[in-house]
Amino acid sequence: MTKQASPGPPGQGDQDPWAAFGYLVAGVAFYGFIGWALGRWLHMAYLVPIGIVVGMLFGMYLVFARYVFRGDGTSDADSAATKDKDDGSAPERRGRDHRGEKK
């Protein structure tokens, strides 16, 4: 059997909304559990909601880091805007930082 290639560009990953949902739920569950365990061990019940909030924030960070902001400092909205303009009017991004200023 041969392995079929994914239809998207390599390295982009799947833009699956269930994966984003999984990041959010896993963050809340993991850090909520850590907060619960530490709260039971240290007899501090307020660590559970702190763990849940921290997990929610980390999950949101992972979703934004993976699906909104790419590793090269551009967002998906920037890449879609420059992908539509093939007439050469899009500014060149090489040698520029994440704000578009020259390095």
PDB file of N, CA and C in Angstrom:
ATOM      1  N   MET A   1       0.834  -1.180   0.000  1.00  0.00           N
ATOM      2  CA  MET A   1       0.000   0.000   0.000  1.00  0.00           C
ATOM      3  C   MET A   1       0.881   1.247   0.000  1.00  0.00           C
ATOM      4  N   THR A   2       0.427   2.250  -0.672  1.00  0.00           N
ATOM      5  CA  THR A   2       1.162   3.505  -0.703  1.00  0.00           C
ATOM      6  C   THR A   2       0.482   4.519   0.185  1.00  0.00           C
ATOM      7  N   LYS A   3       1.283   5.374   0.745  1.00  0.00           N
ATOM      8  CA  LYS A   3       0.760   6.432   1.607  1.00  0.00           C
ATOM      9  C   LYS A   3       0.409   7.640   0.748  1.00  0.00           C
ATOM     10  N   GLN A   4      -0.797   8.147   0.906  1.00  0.00           N
ATOM     11  CA  GLN A   4      -1.233   9.298   0.131  1.00  0.00           C
ATOM     12  C   GLN A   4      -0.784  10.578   0.819  1.00  0.00           C
ATOM     13  N   ALA A   5      -0.334  11.526   0.032  1.00  0.00           N
ATOM     14  CA  ALA A   5       0.096  12.811   0.570  1.00  0.00           C
ATOM     15  C   ALA A   5      -1.118  13.645   0.943  1.00  0.00           C
ATOM     16  N   SER A   6      -0.960  14.480   1.939  1.00  0.00           N
ATOM     17  CA  SER A   6      -2.055  15.365   2.333  1.00  0.00           C
ATOM     18  C   SER A   6      -2.225  16.453   1.277  1.00  0.00           C
ATOM     19  N   PRO A   7      -3.438  16.954   1.069  1.00  0.00           N
ATOM     20  CA  PRO A   7      -3.683  17.933   0.015  1.00  0.00           C
ATOM     21  C   PRO A   7      -3.111  19.311   0.319  1.00  0.00           C
ATOM     22  N   GLY A   8      -2.833  19.633   1.558  1.00  0.00           N
ATOM     23  CA  GLY A   8      -2.341  20.958   1.916  1.00  0.00           C
ATOM     24  C   GLY A   8      -0.853  21.093   1.699  1.00  0.00           C
ATOM     25  N   PRO A   9      -0.334  22.298   1.837  1.00  0.00           N
ATOM     26  CA  PRO A   9       1.093  22.514   1.687  1.00  0.00           C
ATOM     27  C   PRO A   9       1.866  21.835   2.820  1.00  0.00           C
ATOM     28  N   PRO A  10       3.083  21.372   2.567  1.00  0.00           N
ATOM     29  CA  PRO A  10       3.837  20.687   3.607  1.00  0.00           C
ATOM     30  C   PRO A  10       4.200  21.623   4.746  1.00  0.00           C
ATOM     31  N   GLY A  11       4.131  21.117   5.971  1.00  0.00           N
ATOM     32  CA  GLY A  11       4.493  21.910   7.133  1.00  0.00           C
ATOM     33  C   GLY A  11       3.375  22.780   7.675  1.00  0.00           C
ATOM     34  N   GLN A  12       2.303  22.945   6.952  1.00  0.00           N
ATOM     35  CA  GLN A  12       1.213  23.798   7.412  1.00  0.00           C
ATOM     36  C   GLN A  12       0.334  23.095   8.426  1.00  0.00           C
ATOM     37  N   GLY A  13       0.218  21.774   8.331  1.00  0.00           N
ATOM     38  CA  GLY A  13      -0.663  21.060   9.235  1.00  0.00           C
ATOM     39  C   GLY A  13      -2.099  21.168   8.768  1.00  0.00           C
ATOM     40  N   ASP A  14      -2.922  20.447   9.413  1.00  0.00           N
ATOM     41  CA  ASP A  14      -4.326  20.432   9.053  1.00  0.00           C
ATOM     42  C   ASP A  14      -5.021  21.566   9.799  1.00  0.00           C
ATOM     43  N   GLN A  15      -5.831  22.324   9.150  1.00  0.00           N
ATOM     44  CA  GLN A  15      -6.571  23.407   9.798  1.00  0.00           C
ATOM     45  C   GLN A  15      -7.849  22.840  10.411  1.00  0.00           C
ATOM     46  N   ASP A  16      -7.690  21.844  11.239  1.00  0.00           N
ATOM     47  CA  ASP A  16      -8.803  21.112  11.822  1.00  0.00           C
ATOM     48  C   ASP A  16      -9.294  21.821  13.082  1.00  0.00           C
ATOM     49  N   PRO A  17     -10.567  22.214  13.122  1.00  0.00           N
ATOM     50  CA  PRO A  17     -11.071  22.886  14.325  1.00  0.00           C
ATOM     51  C   PRO A  17     -11.118  21.963  15.537  1.00  0.00           C
ATOM     52  N   TRP A  18     -11.221  20.641  15.315  1.00  0.00           N
ATOM     53  CA  TRP A  18     -11.228  19.722  16.453  1.00  0.00           C
ATOM     54  C   TRP A  18      -9.861  19.650  17.113  1.00  0.00           C
ATOM     55  N   ALA A  19      -8.794  19.874  16.364  1.00  0.00           N
ATOM     56  CA  ALA A  19      -7.463  19.910  16.964  1.00  0.00           C
ATOM     57  C   ALA A  19      -7.340  21.134  17.874  1.00  0.00           C
ATOM     58  N   ALA A  20      -7.871  22.266  17.448  1.00  0.00           N
ATOM     59  CA  ALA A  20      -7.855  23.463  18.288  1.00  0.00           C
ATOM     60  C   ALA A  20      -8.683  23.239  19.545  1.00  0.00           C
ATOM     61  N   PHE A  21      -9.844  22.608  19.396  1.00  0.00           N
ATOM     62  CA  PHE A  21     -10.678  22.276  20.544  1.00  0.00           C
ATOM     63  C   PHE A  21      -9.939  21.321  21.485  1.00  0.00           C
ATOM     64  N   GLY A  22      -9.205  20.386  20.909  1.00  0.00           N
ATOM     65  CA  GLY A  22      -8.424  19.446  21.709  1.00  0.00           C
ATOM     66  C   GLY A  22      -7.347  20.136  22.526  1.00  0.00           C
ATOM     67  N   TYR A  23      -6.684  21.147  21.933  1.00  0.00           N
ATOM     68  CA  TYR A  23      -5.690  21.916  22.691  1.00  0.00           C
ATOM     69  C   TYR A  23      -6.336  22.590  23.899  1.00  0.00           C
ATOM     70  N   LEU A  24      -7.497  23.185  23.689  1.00  0.00           N
ATOM     71  CA  LEU A  24      -8.170  23.894  24.781  1.00  0.00           C
ATOM     72  C   LEU A  24      -8.599  22.938  25.890  1.00  0.00           C
ATOM     73  N   VAL A  25      -9.219  21.827  25.507  1.00  0.00           N
ATOM     74  CA  VAL A  25      -9.699  20.875  26.508  1.00  0.00           C
ATOM     75  C   VAL A  25      -8.536  20.207  27.226  1.00  0.00           C
ATOM     76  N   ALA A  26      -7.493  19.839  26.490  1.00  0.00           N
ATOM     77  CA  ALA A  26      -6.340  19.186  27.109  1.00  0.00           C
ATOM     78  C   ALA A  26      -5.628  20.122  28.078  1.00  0.00           C
ATOM     79  N   GLY A  27      -5.530  21.401  27.729  1.00  0.00           N
ATOM     80  CA  GLY A  27      -4.896  22.356  28.634  1.00  0.00           C
ATOM     81  C   GLY A  27      -5.664  22.506  29.926  1.00  0.00           C
ATOM     82  N   VAL A  28      -6.982  22.633  29.823  1.00  0.00           N
ATOM     83  CA  VAL A  28      -7.823  22.763  31.018  1.00  0.00           C
ATOM     84  C   VAL A  28      -7.753  21.492  31.845  1.00  0.00           C
ATOM     85  N   ALA A  29      -7.833  20.329  31.204  1.00  0.00           N
ATOM     86  CA  ALA A  29      -7.823  19.062  31.942  1.00  0.00           C
ATOM     87  C   ALA A  29      -6.467  18.821  32.609  1.00  0.00           C
ATOM     88  N   PHE A  30      -5.378  19.041  31.863  1.00  0.00           N
ATOM     89  CA  PHE A  30      -4.045  18.762  32.398  1.00  0.00           C
ATOM     90  C   PHE A  30      -3.699  19.687  33.564  1.00  0.00           C
ATOM     91  N   TYR A  31      -3.825  20.983  33.350  1.00  0.00           N
ATOM     92  CA  TYR A  31      -3.464  21.918  34.413  1.00  0.00           C
ATOM     93  C   TYR A  31      -4.511  21.954  35.522  1.00  0.00           C
ATOM     94  N   GLY A  32      -5.749  21.643  35.213  1.00  0.00           N
ATOM     95  CA  GLY A  32      -6.753  21.491  36.260  1.00  0.00           C
ATOM     96  C   GLY A  32      -6.422  20.315  37.157  1.00  0.00           C
ATOM     97  N   PHE A  33      -5.967  19.207  36.542  1.00  0.00           N
ATOM     98  CA  PHE A  33      -5.548  18.050  37.331  1.00  0.00           C
ATOM     99  C   PHE A  33      -4.329  18.368  38.189  1.00  0.00           C
ATOM    100  N   ILE A  34      -3.367  19.089  37.622  1.00  0.00           N
ATOM    101  CA  ILE A  34      -2.188  19.482  38.404  1.00  0.00           C
ATOM    102  C   ILE A  34      -2.614  20.374  39.569  1.00  0.00           C
ATOM    103  N   GLY A  35      -3.514  21.314  39.315  1.00  0.00           N
ATOM    104  CA  GLY A  35      -4.018  22.164  40.394  1.00  0.00           C
ATOM    105  C   GLY A  35      -4.754  21.371  41.454  1.00  0.00           C
ATOM    106  N   TRP A  36      -5.544  20.389  41.020  1.00  0.00           N
ATOM    107  CA  TRP A  36      -6.266  19.538  41.971  1.00  0.00           C
ATOM    108  C   TRP A  36      -5.293  18.733  42.813  1.00  0.00           C
ATOM    109  N   ALA A  37      -4.277  18.126  42.160  1.00  0.00           N
ATOM    110  CA  ALA A  37      -3.304  17.303  42.891  1.00  0.00           C
ATOM    111  C   ALA A  37      -2.508  18.156  43.882  1.00  0.00           C
ATOM    112  N   LEU A  38      -2.053  19.313  43.445  1.00  0.00           N
ATOM    113  CA  LEU A  38      -1.317  20.186  44.364  1.00  0.00           C
ATOM    114  C   LEU A  38      -2.215  20.703  45.476  1.00  0.00           C
ATOM    115  N   GLY A  39      -3.472  20.991  45.150  1.00  0.00           N
ATOM    116  CA  GLY A  39      -4.419  21.455  46.159  1.00  0.00           C
ATOM    117  C   GLY A  39      -4.689  20.398  47.216  1.00  0.00           C
ATOM    118  N   ARG A  40      -4.794  19.140  46.787  1.00  0.00           N
ATOM    119  CA  ARG A  40      -4.997  18.052  47.755  1.00  0.00           C
ATOM    120  C   ARG A  40      -3.750  17.835  48.609  1.00  0.00           C
ATOM    121  N   TRP A  41      -2.594  17.928  47.974  1.00  0.00           N
ATOM    122  CA  TRP A  41      -1.342  17.679  48.676  1.00  0.00           C
ATOM    123  C   TRP A  41      -1.021  18.798  49.664  1.00  0.00           C
ATOM    124  N   LEU A  42      -1.256  20.036  49.247  1.00  0.00           N
ATOM    125  CA  LEU A  42      -0.917  21.195  50.075  1.00  0.00           C
ATOM    126  C   LEU A  42      -2.110  21.721  50.870  1.00  0.00           C
ATOM    127  N   HIS A  43      -3.287  21.097  50.736  1.00  0.00           N
ATOM    128  CA  HIS A  43      -4.511  21.513  51.421  1.00  0.00           C
ATOM    129  C   HIS A  43      -4.885  22.958  51.078  1.00  0.00           C
ATOM    130  N   MET A  44      -4.793  23.257  49.770  1.00  0.00           N
ATOM    131  CA  MET A  44      -5.169  24.578  49.259  1.00  0.00           C
ATOM    132  C   MET A  44      -6.143  24.368  48.103  1.00  0.00           C
ATOM    133  N   ALA A  45      -7.428  24.456  48.396  1.00  0.00           N
ATOM    134  CA  ALA A  45      -8.446  24.163  47.387  1.00  0.00           C
ATOM    135  C   ALA A  45      -8.478  25.196  46.263  1.00  0.00           C
ATOM    136  N   TYR A  46      -7.958  26.382  46.492  1.00  0.00           N
ATOM    137  CA  TYR A  46      -8.013  27.422  45.462  1.00  0.00           C
ATOM    138  C   TYR A  46      -7.035  27.160  44.314  1.00  0.00           C
ATOM    139  N   LEU A  47      -6.190  26.141  44.402  1.00  0.00           N
ATOM    140  CA  LEU A  47      -5.276  25.838  43.307  1.00  0.00           C
ATOM    141  C   LEU A  47      -5.989  25.185  42.111  1.00  0.00           C
ATOM    142  N   VAL A  48      -7.150  24.597  42.343  1.00  0.00           N
ATOM    143  CA  VAL A  48      -7.898  23.976  41.237  1.00  0.00           C
ATOM    144  C   VAL A  48      -8.356  25.026  40.225  1.00  0.00           C
ATOM    145  N   PRO A  49      -9.063  26.082  40.634  1.00  0.00           N
ATOM    146  CA  PRO A  49      -9.452  27.080  39.617  1.00  0.00           C
ATOM    147  C   PRO A  49      -8.253  27.805  39.004  1.00  0.00           C
ATOM    148  N   ILE A  50      -7.195  27.974  39.774  1.00  0.00           N
ATOM    149  CA  ILE A  50      -5.987  28.592  39.203  1.00  0.00           C
ATOM    150  C   ILE A  50      -5.413  27.691  38.118  1.00  0.00           C
ATOM    151  N   GLY A  51      -5.365  26.389  38.371  1.00  0.00           N
ATOM    152  CA  GLY A  51      -4.883  25.449  37.362  1.00  0.00           C
ATOM    153  C   GLY A  51      -5.758  25.432  36.123  1.00  0.00           C
ATOM    154  N   ILE A  52      -7.068  25.533  36.305  1.00  0.00           N
ATOM    155  CA  ILE A  52      -7.988  25.540  35.164  1.00  0.00           C
ATOM    156  C   ILE A  52      -7.779  26.790  34.315  1.00  0.00           C
ATOM    157  N   VAL A  53      -7.634  27.933  34.968  1.00  0.00           N
ATOM    158  CA  VAL A  53      -7.426  29.184  34.220  1.00  0.00           C
ATOM    159  C   VAL A  53      -6.080  29.174  33.509  1.00  0.00           C
ATOM    160  N   VAL A  54      -5.033  28.691  34.177  1.00  0.00           N
ATOM    161  CA  VAL A  54      -3.711  28.609  33.543  1.00  0.00           C
ATOM    162  C   VAL A  54      -3.766  27.661  32.350  1.00  0.00           C
ATOM    163  N   GLY A  55      -4.448  26.524  32.498  1.00  0.00           N
ATOM    164  CA  GLY A  55      -4.591  25.587  31.390  1.00  0.00           C
ATOM    165  C   GLY A  55      -5.360  26.182  30.227  1.00  0.00           C
ATOM    166  N   MET A  56      -6.389  26.973  30.521  1.00  0.00           N
ATOM    167  CA  MET A  56      -7.148  27.632  29.469  1.00  0.00           C
ATOM    168  C   MET A  56      -6.259  28.631  28.722  1.00  0.00           C
ATOM    169  N   LEU A  57      -5.453  29.381  29.454  1.00  0.00           N
ATOM    170  CA  LEU A  57      -4.572  30.357  28.816  1.00  0.00           C
ATOM    171  C   LEU A  57      -3.505  29.681  27.965  1.00  0.00           C
ATOM    172  N   PHE A  58      -2.904  28.600  28.488  1.00  0.00           N
ATOM    173  CA  PHE A  58      -1.912  27.876  27.694  1.00  0.00           C
ATOM    174  C   PHE A  58      -2.544  27.244  26.454  1.00  0.00           C
ATOM    175  N   GLY A  59      -3.749  26.714  26.585  1.00  0.00           N
ATOM    176  CA  GLY A  59      -4.441  26.139  25.435  1.00  0.00           C
ATOM    177  C   GLY A  59      -4.728  27.187  24.375  1.00  0.00           C
ATOM    178  N   MET A  60      -5.171  28.377  24.811  1.00  0.00           N
ATOM    179  CA  MET A  60      -5.419  29.459  23.855  1.00  0.00           C
ATOM    180  C   MET A  60      -4.125  29.908  23.191  1.00  0.00           C
ATOM    181  N   TYR A  61      -3.041  29.944  23.956  1.00  0.00           N
ATOM    182  CA  TYR A  61      -1.751  30.304  23.381  1.00  0.00           C
ATOM    183  C   TYR A  61      -1.340  29.310  22.300  1.00  0.00           C
ATOM    184  N   LEU A  62      -1.518  28.016  22.580  1.00  0.00           N
ATOM    185  CA  LEU A  62      -1.152  27.008  21.585  1.00  0.00           C
ATOM    186  C   LEU A  62      -2.006  27.116  20.328  1.00  0.00           C
ATOM    187  N   VAL A  63      -3.278  27.400  20.484  1.00  0.00           N
ATOM    188  CA  VAL A  63      -4.153  27.549  19.319  1.00  0.00           C
ATOM    189  C   VAL A  63      -3.718  28.743  18.490  1.00  0.00           C
ATOM    190  N   PHE A  64      -3.453  29.870  19.136  1.00  0.00           N
ATOM    191  CA  PHE A  64      -3.012  31.048  18.390  1.00  0.00           C
ATOM    192  C   PHE A  64      -1.643  30.829  17.765  1.00  0.00           C
ATOM    193  N   ALA A  65      -0.742  30.187  18.491  1.00  0.00           N
ATOM    194  CA  ALA A  65       0.598  29.950  17.957  1.00  0.00           C
ATOM    195  C   ALA A  65       0.562  29.013  16.758  1.00  0.00           C
ATOM    196  N   ARG A  66      -0.312  28.034  16.795  1.00  0.00           N
ATOM    197  CA  ARG A  66      -0.351  27.053  15.706  1.00  0.00           C
ATOM    198  C   ARG A  66      -1.181  27.505  14.521  1.00  0.00           C
ATOM    199  N   TYR A  67      -2.331  28.111  14.765  1.00  0.00           N
ATOM    200  CA  TYR A  67      -3.271  28.382  13.675  1.00  0.00           C
ATOM    201  C   TYR A  67      -3.328  29.843  13.237  1.00  0.00           C
ATOM    202  N   VAL A  68      -2.970  30.768  14.082  1.00  0.00           N
ATOM    203  CA  VAL A  68      -3.060  32.173  13.700  1.00  0.00           C
ATOM    204  C   VAL A  68      -1.695  32.703  13.300  1.00  0.00           C
ATOM    205  N   PHE A  69      -0.712  32.520  14.170  1.00  0.00           N
ATOM    206  CA  PHE A  69       0.632  33.023  13.884  1.00  0.00           C
ATOM    207  C   PHE A  69       1.528  31.868  13.505  1.00  0.00           C
ATOM    208  N   ARG A  70       2.191  32.003  12.378  1.00  0.00           N
ATOM    209  CA  ARG A  70       3.113  30.971  11.926  1.00  0.00           C
ATOM    210  C   ARG A  70       4.499  31.279  12.467  1.00  0.00           C
ATOM    211  N   GLY A  71       5.441  30.385  12.233  1.00  0.00           N
ATOM    212  CA  GLY A  71       6.787  30.524  12.754  1.00  0.00           C
ATOM    213  C   GLY A  71       7.606  31.627  12.116  1.00  0.00           C
ATOM    214  N   ASP A  72       7.219  32.107  10.931  1.00  0.00           N
ATOM    215  CA  ASP A  72       8.027  33.121  10.256  1.00  0.00           C
ATOM    216  C   ASP A  72       7.609  34.540  10.604  1.00  0.00           C
ATOM    217  N   GLY A  73       6.753  34.708  11.599  1.00  0.00           N
ATOM    218  CA  GLY A  73       6.373  36.045  12.036  1.00  0.00           C
ATOM    219  C   GLY A  73       5.183  36.625  11.305  1.00  0.00           C
ATOM    220  N   THR A  74       4.595  35.869  10.397  1.00  0.00           N
ATOM    221  CA  THR A  74       3.427  36.368   9.690  1.00  0.00           C
ATOM    222  C   THR A  74       2.203  35.617  10.163  1.00  0.00           C
ATOM    223  N   SER A  75       1.063  36.199   9.952  1.00  0.00           N
ATOM    224  CA  SER A  75      -0.183  35.528  10.313  1.00  0.00           C
ATOM    225  C   SER A  75      -0.790  34.915   9.063  1.00  0.00           C
ATOM    226  N   ASP A  76      -1.780  34.062   9.250  1.00  0.00           N
ATOM    227  CA  ASP A  76      -2.464  33.462   8.115  1.00  0.00           C
ATOM    228  C   ASP A  76      -3.171  34.515   7.279  1.00  0.00           C
ATOM    229  N   ALA A  77      -3.629  35.588   7.902  1.00  0.00           N
ATOM    230  CA  ALA A  77      -4.287  36.657   7.155  1.00  0.00           C
ATOM    231  C   ALA A  77      -3.281  37.354   6.235  1.00  0.00           C
ATOM    232  N   ASP A  78      -2.037  37.551   6.712  1.00  0.00           N
ATOM    233  CA  ASP A  78      -1.007  38.156   5.874  1.00  0.00           C
ATOM    234  C   ASP A  78      -0.683  37.275   4.679  1.00  0.00           C
ATOM    235  N   SER A  79      -0.560  35.958   4.924  1.00  0.00           N
ATOM    236  CA  SER A  79      -0.204  35.072   3.828  1.00  0.00           C
ATOM    237  C   SER A  79      -1.338  34.970   2.816  1.00  0.00           C
ATOM    238  N   ALA A  80      -2.591  35.033   3.270  1.00  0.00           N
ATOM    239  CA  ALA A  80      -3.722  34.994   2.342  1.00  0.00           C
ATOM    240  C   ALA A  80      -3.769  36.263   1.505  1.00  0.00           C
ATOM    241  N   ALA A  81      -3.465  37.398   2.103  1.00  0.00           N
ATOM    242  CA  ALA A  81      -3.485  38.663   1.361  1.00  0.00           C
ATOM    243  C   ALA A  81      -2.377  38.706   0.320  1.00  0.00           C
ATOM    244  N   THR A  82      -1.191  38.221   0.656  1.00  0.00           N
ATOM    245  CA  THR A  82      -0.099  38.252  -0.308  1.00  0.00           C
ATOM    246  C   THR A  82      -0.236  37.151  -1.331  1.00  0.00           C
ATOM    247  N   LYS A  83      -0.931  36.062  -0.988  1.00  0.00           N
ATOM    248  CA  LYS A  83      -1.140  34.979  -1.939  1.00  0.00           C
ATOM    249  C   LYS A  83      -2.078  35.427  -3.050  1.00  0.00           C
ATOM    250  N   ASP A  84      -3.044  36.294  -2.731  1.00  0.00           N
ATOM    251  CA  ASP A  84      -3.995  36.772  -3.726  1.00  0.00           C
ATOM    252  C   ASP A  84      -3.356  37.758  -4.697  1.00  0.00           C
ATOM    253  N   LYS A  85      -2.326  38.455  -4.267  1.00  0.00           N
ATOM    254  CA  LYS A  85      -1.692  39.465  -5.111  1.00  0.00           C
ATOM    255  C   LYS A  85      -0.446  38.861  -5.759  1.00  0.00           C
ATOM    256  N   ASP A  86      -0.565  38.405  -6.978  1.00  0.00           N
ATOM    257  CA  ASP A  86       0.569  37.860  -7.703  1.00  0.00           C
ATOM    258  C   ASP A  86       1.099  38.853  -8.739  1.00  0.00           C
ATOM    259  N   ASP A  87       0.654  40.097  -8.689  1.00  0.00           N
ATOM    260  CA  ASP A  87       1.071  41.078  -9.679  1.00  0.00           C
ATOM    261  C   ASP A  87       2.357  41.801  -9.292  1.00  0.00           C
ATOM    262  N   GLY A  88       3.004  41.372  -8.206  1.00  0.00           N
ATOM    263  CA  GLY A  88       4.248  41.998  -7.796  1.00  0.00           C
ATOM    264  C   GLY A  88       4.052  43.203  -6.911  1.00  0.00           C
ATOM    265  N   SER A  89       2.817  43.558  -6.574  1.00  0.00           N
ATOM    266  CA  SER A  89       2.590  44.737  -5.747  1.00  0.00           C
ATOM    267  C   SER A  89       2.744  44.440  -4.256  1.00  0.00           C
ATOM    268  N   ALA A  90       2.818  43.157  -3.871  1.00  0.00           N
ATOM    269  CA  ALA A  90       2.978  42.817  -2.459  1.00  0.00           C
ATOM    270  C   ALA A  90       4.409  43.142  -2.019  1.00  0.00           C
ATOM    271  N   PRO A  91       4.574  43.715  -0.836  1.00  0.00           N
ATOM    272  CA  PRO A  91       5.915  44.066  -0.385  1.00  0.00           C
ATOM    273  C   PRO A  91       6.750  42.813  -0.128  1.00  0.00           C
ATOM    274  N   GLU A  92       8.026  42.920  -0.388  1.00  0.00           N
ATOM    275  CA  GLU A  92       8.950  41.819  -0.143  1.00  0.00           C
ATOM    276  C   GLU A  92       9.182  41.682   1.351  1.00  0.00           C
ATOM    277  N   ARG A  93       9.103  40.471   1.892  1.00  0.00           N
ATOM    278  CA  ARG A  93       9.200  40.254   3.330  1.00  0.00           C
ATOM    279  C   ARG A  93      10.604  39.857   3.758  1.00  0.00           C
ATOM    280  N   ARG A  94      11.490  39.551   2.853  1.00  0.00           N
ATOM    281  CA  ARG A  94      12.826  39.148   3.258  1.00  0.00           C
ATOM    282  C   ARG A  94      13.581  40.324   3.840  1.00  0.00           C
ATOM    283  N   GLY A  95      14.316  40.055   4.895  1.00  0.00           N
ATOM    284  CA  GLY A  95      15.086  41.114   5.520  1.00  0.00           C
ATOM    285  C   GLY A  95      14.255  42.031   6.389  1.00  0.00           C
ATOM    286  N   ARG A  96      13.064  41.592   6.772  1.00  0.00           N
ATOM    287  CA  ARG A  96      12.189  42.405   7.599  1.00  0.00           C
ATOM    288  C   ARG A  96      11.762  41.618   8.827  1.00  0.00           C
ATOM    289  N   ASP A  97      11.491  42.329   9.903  1.00  0.00           N
ATOM    290  CA  ASP A  97      11.036  41.664  11.119  1.00  0.00           C
ATOM    291  C   ASP A  97       9.523  41.502  11.079  1.00  0.00           C
ATOM    292  N   HIS A  98       8.936  41.076  12.191  1.00  0.00           N
ATOM    293  CA  HIS A  98       7.512  40.760  12.224  1.00  0.00           C
ATOM    294  C   HIS A  98       6.615  41.977  12.037  1.00  0.00           C
ATOM    295  N   ARG A  99       7.142  43.207  12.207  1.00  0.00           N
ATOM    296  CA  ARG A  99       6.339  44.412  11.989  1.00  0.00           C
ATOM    297  C   ARG A  99       6.514  44.958  10.581  1.00  0.00           C
ATOM    298  N   GLY A 100       7.371  44.311   9.776  1.00  0.00           N
ATOM    299  CA  GLY A 100       7.585  44.766   8.418  1.00  0.00           C
ATOM    300  C   GLY A 100       8.712  45.768   8.286  1.00  0.00           C
ATOM    301  N   GLU A 101       9.417  46.042   9.399  1.00  0.00           N
ATOM    302  CA  GLU A 101      10.525  46.992   9.359  1.00  0.00           C
ATOM    303  C   GLU A 101      11.802  46.268   8.959  1.00  0.00           C
ATOM    304  N   LYS A 102      12.691  46.990   8.296  1.00  0.00           N
ATOM    305  CA  LYS A 102      13.964  46.387   7.881  1.00  0.00           C
ATOM    306  C   LYS A 102      14.816  46.062   9.094  1.00  0.00           C
ATOM    307  N   LYS A 103      15.530  44.942   8.987  1.00  0.00           N
ATOM    308  CA  LYS A 103      16.406  44.517  10.092  1.00  0.00           C
ATOM    309  C   LYS A 103      17.713  45.250  10.058  1.00  0.00           C
TER     310      LYS A 103
END
